[in-house]
Amino acid sequence: MIITGLLLRQYSQYMKNPFGQAVHTTLNRFGLELRLTRNLQAARERERAERQLEPWRLLQHYDVRTVLDIGANEGQFAKLIRDLCPRTLVYSFEPLPDIHILLQRRFRNDPSVVPVPCGLSDGAGRVVMNRSTFSPSSSLLPMAELHRTEYPHSAPQTTVEVDVQRLDDWMTASGLKAGPHVLVKLDVQGHELAVIRGGINTLRQARFAIVEVSFFELYERQPLFDGIYRELRALGYVYRGSLEQTFSHQQDRILFADALFENIFD
């Protein structure tokens, strides 16, 4: 990563002098300049991908074989966990019909990622979802003012009906069993407690849970970190730390984090 950054800086400085510009013209004539630029851009993309993986490499030390990816969106977490743990089987739950199609397309050649076209809650049926123009911000809860202020691009919304069911019911119907090799990932924009309460039996048997927790209200009536911590602690989990955290635009507070919880089966 350091080498590529150095090359990019040197190349930029080189192009500022007349000799460098003359070489640039010659290389361009033979198409070499374009290949060099593409190679540098590709290297920069690889560095960016590596930086994104870095906070999550801790998961490689755990024997995770099955992931319940709840709130999958377009499969960002599924891609991450498959890159880190290639033998992992991922069930990705996404209720928005158009986003579920994108999820299916992304993993059409990867049988280890199974898209599931529904959301999870503490009950089953059809519910109205607030569909943000920025799809990862879509939620079953109304968006709070703080969210609209911090992320104005996500504020425009429509509504759409989606299917939801309880995690425990889905596990029973699918024939899957939770156990010490299962990780549950929750990123459901304020609907965490409902998902947890609909999946108590599953969570009691799983080993890890990664939950996007908020420290300030980004959705109306959403549970904050303390409430989620208490709920998971009652199921035998302890808080192990945060893998990533996001600050406000003013950098004056931490808005939310990806919290890692471990079931100690006490």
Protein backbone atom coordinates (compact mmCIF):
# COMPACT_ATOMS: atom_id res chain seq x y z
CA MET A 1 0.00 0.00 0.00
CA ILE A 2 2.83 2.41 0.89
CA ILE A 3 4.67 1.57 -2.36
CA THR A 4 1.65 2.30 -4.54
CA GLY A 5 1.04 5.61 -2.78
CA LEU A 6 4.69 6.54 -3.32
CA LEU A 7 4.46 5.64 -7.01
CA LEU A 8 1.35 7.75 -7.44
CA ARG A 9 3.04 10.77 -5.81
CA GLN A 10 6.22 10.33 -7.86
CA TYR A 11 4.22 9.98 -11.07
CA SER A 12 2.30 13.16 -10.28
CA GLN A 13 5.53 15.10 -9.62
CA TYR A 14 7.15 13.63 -12.73
CA MET A 15 4.32 14.91 -14.92
CA LYS A 16 4.89 18.48 -13.71
CA ASN A 17 8.26 18.88 -15.45
CA PRO A 18 8.76 19.35 -19.25
CA PHE A 19 10.72 16.12 -19.69
CA GLY A 20 7.96 14.14 -17.99
CA GLN A 21 5.36 15.75 -20.23
CA ALA A 22 7.37 14.83 -23.32
CA VAL A 23 7.63 11.22 -22.17
CA HIS A 24 3.91 11.28 -21.45
CA THR A 25 3.24 12.35 -25.08
CA THR A 26 5.44 9.55 -26.45
CA LEU A 27 3.93 6.90 -24.20
CA ASN A 28 0.46 8.03 -25.13
CA ARG A 29 1.30 7.55 -28.80
CA PHE A 30 1.97 3.87 -28.18
CA GLY A 31 -0.86 3.35 -25.67
CA LEU A 32 1.57 2.73 -22.82
CA GLU A 33 0.42 5.72 -20.77
CA LEU A 34 -3.12 4.36 -20.63
CA ARG A 35 -1.93 0.96 -19.41
CA LEU A 36 0.26 2.57 -16.75
CA THR A 37 -2.65 4.70 -15.53
CA ARG A 38 -4.97 1.69 -15.42
CA ASN A 39 -2.40 -0.35 -13.48
CA LEU A 40 -2.00 2.42 -10.92
CA GLN A 41 -5.78 2.79 -10.59
CA ALA A 42 -6.17 -0.97 -10.12
CA ALA A 43 -3.46 -0.93 -7.42
CA ARG A 44 -5.25 1.91 -5.67
CA GLU A 45 -8.53 -0.05 -5.73
CA ARG A 46 -6.78 -3.09 -4.22
CA GLU A 47 -5.39 -0.92 -1.43
CA ARG A 48 -8.84 0.50 -0.71
CA ALA A 49 -10.32 -3.00 -0.53
CA GLU A 50 -7.55 -4.12 1.83
CA ARG A 51 -8.17 -1.14 4.12
CA GLN A 52 -11.86 -2.01 4.29
CA LEU A 53 -11.06 -5.58 5.30
CA GLU A 54 -8.50 -4.67 7.95
CA PRO A 55 -10.84 -4.00 10.94
CA TRP A 56 -12.64 -7.29 10.27
CA ARG A 57 -9.64 -9.63 10.09
CA LEU A 58 -10.29 -10.56 13.72
CA LEU A 59 -13.06 -12.82 12.40
CA GLN A 60 -10.48 -15.03 10.68
CA HIS A 61 -9.41 -16.26 14.12
CA TYR A 62 -12.87 -17.69 14.83
CA ASP A 63 -14.22 -20.94 13.43
CA VAL A 64 -17.25 -19.34 11.76
CA ARG A 65 -18.93 -21.67 9.27
CA THR A 66 -22.42 -20.19 8.89
CA VAL A 67 -23.45 -16.53 8.83
CA LEU A 68 -26.99 -15.21 9.12
CA ASP A 69 -26.65 -11.89 7.31
CA ILE A 70 -29.75 -9.99 8.45
CA GLY A 71 -30.17 -6.72 6.58
CA ALA A 72 -28.00 -7.81 3.66
CA ASN A 73 -28.73 -4.93 1.27
CA GLU A 74 -26.64 -5.61 -1.87
CA GLY A 75 -24.40 -8.11 -0.12
CA GLN A 76 -21.66 -5.85 1.20
CA PHE A 77 -21.14 -7.90 4.36
CA ALA A 78 -21.57 -11.21 2.53
CA LYS A 79 -18.74 -10.20 0.17
CA LEU A 80 -16.56 -9.14 3.10
CA ILE A 81 -17.04 -12.33 5.12
CA ARG A 82 -16.58 -14.54 2.04
CA ASP A 83 -13.29 -12.73 1.28
CA LEU A 84 -12.10 -13.26 4.85
CA CYS A 85 -13.52 -16.75 5.42
CA PRO A 86 -13.97 -18.44 2.02
CA ARG A 87 -15.48 -21.64 3.46
CA THR A 88 -18.32 -19.77 5.18
CA LEU A 89 -21.94 -20.35 4.12
CA VAL A 90 -23.96 -17.11 4.17
CA TYR A 91 -27.75 -16.70 4.31
CA SER A 92 -28.50 -13.10 3.30
CA PHE A 93 -31.90 -11.66 4.28
CA GLU A 94 -33.07 -8.67 2.24
CA PRO A 95 -36.76 -7.58 2.13
CA LEU A 96 -36.66 -4.86 -0.56
CA PRO A 97 -37.63 -6.61 -3.83
CA ASP A 98 -35.41 -4.54 -6.16
CA ILE A 99 -32.39 -4.78 -3.86
CA HIS A 100 -32.93 -8.52 -3.44
CA ILE A 101 -32.64 -8.85 -7.24
CA LEU A 102 -29.28 -7.05 -7.13
CA LEU A 103 -28.20 -9.36 -4.31
CA GLN A 104 -29.12 -12.41 -6.38
CA ARG A 105 -27.22 -11.11 -9.40
CA ARG A 106 -24.13 -10.33 -7.39
CA PHE A 107 -23.84 -13.88 -6.05
CA ARG A 108 -25.35 -15.84 -8.92
CA ASN A 109 -22.05 -17.68 -9.37
CA ASP A 110 -21.42 -18.22 -5.66
CA PRO A 111 -23.57 -21.03 -4.22
CA SER A 112 -22.19 -20.28 -0.74
CA VAL A 113 -24.28 -17.11 -0.54
CA VAL A 114 -28.02 -17.81 -0.33
CA PRO A 115 -30.25 -14.73 -0.76
CA VAL A 116 -33.48 -14.87 1.27
CA PRO A 117 -36.28 -12.52 0.08
CA CYS A 118 -37.68 -11.37 3.41
CA GLY A 119 -36.99 -9.25 6.46
CA LEU A 120 -36.90 -10.45 10.05
CA SER A 121 -38.91 -9.19 13.02
CA ASP A 122 -40.80 -10.41 16.11
CA GLY A 123 -43.80 -11.45 14.03
CA ALA A 124 -44.74 -12.58 10.52
CA GLY A 125 -46.72 -10.94 7.73
CA ARG A 126 -46.68 -7.96 5.35
CA VAL A 127 -45.45 -4.65 6.73
CA VAL A 128 -44.75 -1.19 5.34
CA MET A 129 -41.09 -0.28 4.96
CA ASN A 130 -39.69 3.24 4.55
CA ARG A 131 -37.63 2.92 1.37
CA SER A 132 -34.85 5.52 1.28
CA THR A 133 -33.33 6.73 -1.99
CA PHE A 134 -30.10 5.49 -0.37
CA SER A 135 -31.24 1.90 0.08
CA PRO A 136 -28.99 0.98 3.07
CA SER A 137 -30.87 3.62 5.11
CA SER A 138 -34.28 2.00 4.49
CA SER A 139 -36.06 0.99 7.69
CA LEU A 140 -39.30 -0.23 9.22
CA LEU A 141 -39.02 2.83 11.49
CA PRO A 142 -39.41 6.50 10.49
CA MET A 143 -36.14 8.34 9.96
CA ALA A 144 -35.20 10.74 12.78
CA GLU A 145 -34.15 14.35 12.27
CA LEU A 146 -30.53 13.63 13.20
CA HIS A 147 -30.28 11.10 10.38
CA ARG A 148 -31.71 13.56 7.85
CA THR A 149 -29.28 16.23 9.02
CA GLU A 150 -26.21 14.00 8.94
CA TYR A 151 -27.12 12.21 5.71
CA PRO A 152 -29.42 14.50 3.68
CA HIS A 153 -28.94 12.38 0.54
CA SER A 154 -30.83 9.56 2.29
CA ALA A 155 -33.81 11.66 3.42
CA PRO A 156 -36.14 11.28 0.38
CA GLN A 157 -38.33 8.23 0.94
CA THR A 158 -41.18 6.20 -0.45
CA THR A 159 -43.00 3.28 1.16
CA VAL A 160 -43.15 -0.33 0.04
CA GLU A 161 -44.76 -3.45 1.48
CA VAL A 162 -42.36 -6.25 2.38
CA ASP A 163 -42.56 -9.71 3.92
CA VAL A 164 -41.18 -10.35 7.40
CA GLN A 165 -40.96 -13.41 9.62
CA ARG A 166 -39.34 -14.54 12.85
CA LEU A 167 -35.78 -15.83 12.68
CA ASP A 168 -36.61 -18.84 14.86
CA ASP A 169 -39.50 -19.77 12.55
CA TRP A 170 -37.28 -19.44 9.47
CA MET A 171 -34.59 -21.61 11.05
CA THR A 172 -37.14 -24.32 11.83
CA ALA A 173 -38.67 -24.22 8.35
CA SER A 174 -35.26 -24.32 6.65
CA GLY A 175 -34.02 -27.19 8.80
CA LEU A 176 -30.98 -25.24 9.98
CA LYS A 177 -29.64 -25.45 13.51
CA ALA A 178 -27.65 -22.75 15.24
CA GLY A 179 -24.51 -23.70 17.10
CA PRO A 180 -21.02 -22.57 18.15
CA HIS A 181 -19.95 -22.06 14.52
CA VAL A 182 -22.76 -19.61 13.70
CA LEU A 183 -22.42 -15.83 13.50
CA VAL A 184 -25.51 -13.60 13.40
CA LYS A 185 -25.03 -10.19 11.79
CA LEU A 186 -27.70 -7.53 12.38
CA ASP A 187 -27.87 -4.30 10.39
CA VAL A 188 -31.56 -3.41 10.37
CA GLN A 189 -31.68 0.34 10.93
CA GLY A 190 -33.29 0.54 14.36
CA HIS A 191 -35.28 -2.72 14.24
CA GLU A 192 -32.70 -4.73 16.20
CA LEU A 193 -34.74 -5.58 19.31
CA ALA A 194 -37.62 -6.95 17.25
CA VAL A 195 -35.25 -9.21 15.31
CA ILE A 196 -33.55 -10.39 18.51
CA ARG A 197 -36.88 -11.18 20.18
CA GLY A 198 -38.00 -13.14 17.13
CA GLY A 199 -34.77 -15.14 17.19
CA ILE A 200 -34.16 -15.87 20.87
CA ASN A 201 -33.64 -19.61 20.43
CA THR A 202 -31.27 -19.09 17.50
CA LEU A 203 -29.23 -16.48 19.33
CA ARG A 204 -28.99 -18.60 22.46
CA GLN A 205 -27.24 -21.28 20.41
CA ALA A 206 -25.12 -19.07 18.12
CA ARG A 207 -21.57 -18.11 19.09
CA PHE A 208 -21.22 -14.54 17.81
CA ALA A 209 -23.40 -11.56 16.97
CA ILE A 210 -22.29 -8.45 15.12
CA VAL A 211 -24.85 -5.67 15.56
CA GLU A 212 -24.86 -2.17 14.14
CA VAL A 213 -25.65 -0.22 17.32
CA SER A 214 -26.52 3.46 17.57
CA PHE A 215 -25.54 5.84 20.37
CA PHE A 216 -27.96 8.56 19.21
CA GLU A 217 -31.44 8.22 17.75
CA LEU A 218 -31.16 7.97 13.96
CA TYR A 219 -34.61 6.37 13.64
CA GLU A 220 -37.63 7.25 15.74
CA ARG A 221 -38.03 5.06 18.85
CA GLN A 222 -35.05 2.90 17.97
CA PRO A 223 -33.16 1.08 20.76
CA LEU A 224 -29.70 2.44 21.48
CA PHE A 225 -26.60 0.52 22.50
CA ASP A 226 -27.65 0.09 26.14
CA GLY A 227 -30.95 -1.57 25.25
CA ILE A 228 -29.36 -3.98 22.77
CA TYR A 229 -26.57 -4.79 25.21
CA ARG A 230 -29.07 -5.66 27.97
CA GLU A 231 -31.10 -7.86 25.62
CA LEU A 232 -28.07 -9.80 24.41
CA ARG A 233 -26.54 -10.01 27.89
CA ALA A 234 -29.72 -11.76 29.06
CA LEU A 235 -29.11 -14.36 26.32
CA GLY A 236 -25.56 -15.06 27.51
CA TYR A 237 -23.57 -12.62 25.36
CA VAL A 238 -20.75 -10.32 26.40
CA TYR A 239 -19.59 -7.23 24.51
CA ARG A 240 -16.13 -7.73 22.98
CA GLY A 241 -15.65 -4.32 21.37
CA SER A 242 -16.42 -2.50 18.14
CA LEU A 243 -14.97 -3.45 14.78
CA GLU A 244 -15.76 -0.08 13.21
CA GLN A 245 -17.41 3.15 14.32
CA THR A 246 -18.77 6.18 12.51
CA PHE A 247 -18.47 9.80 13.63
CA SER A 248 -20.79 12.72 12.95
CA HIS A 249 -19.80 15.14 10.21
CA GLN A 250 -18.65 17.59 12.87
CA GLN A 251 -16.49 14.83 14.40
CA ASP A 252 -17.99 15.72 17.79
CA ARG A 253 -19.65 12.38 18.59
CA ILE A 254 -19.75 8.71 17.61
CA LEU A 255 -23.10 8.00 15.96
CA PHE A 256 -23.00 4.23 15.52
CA ALA A 257 -20.68 1.25 15.53
CA ASP A 258 -20.42 -2.39 14.50
CA ALA A 259 -20.41 -4.09 17.90
CA LEU A 260 -19.10 -7.62 18.40
CA PHE A 261 -20.81 -9.80 21.00
CA GLU A 262 -19.74 -13.31 22.02
CA ASN A 263 -21.98 -15.95 23.58
CA ILE A 264 -20.15 -17.44 26.56
CA PHE A 265 -22.91 -20.02 27.10
CA ASP A 266 -23.05 -19.41 30.86
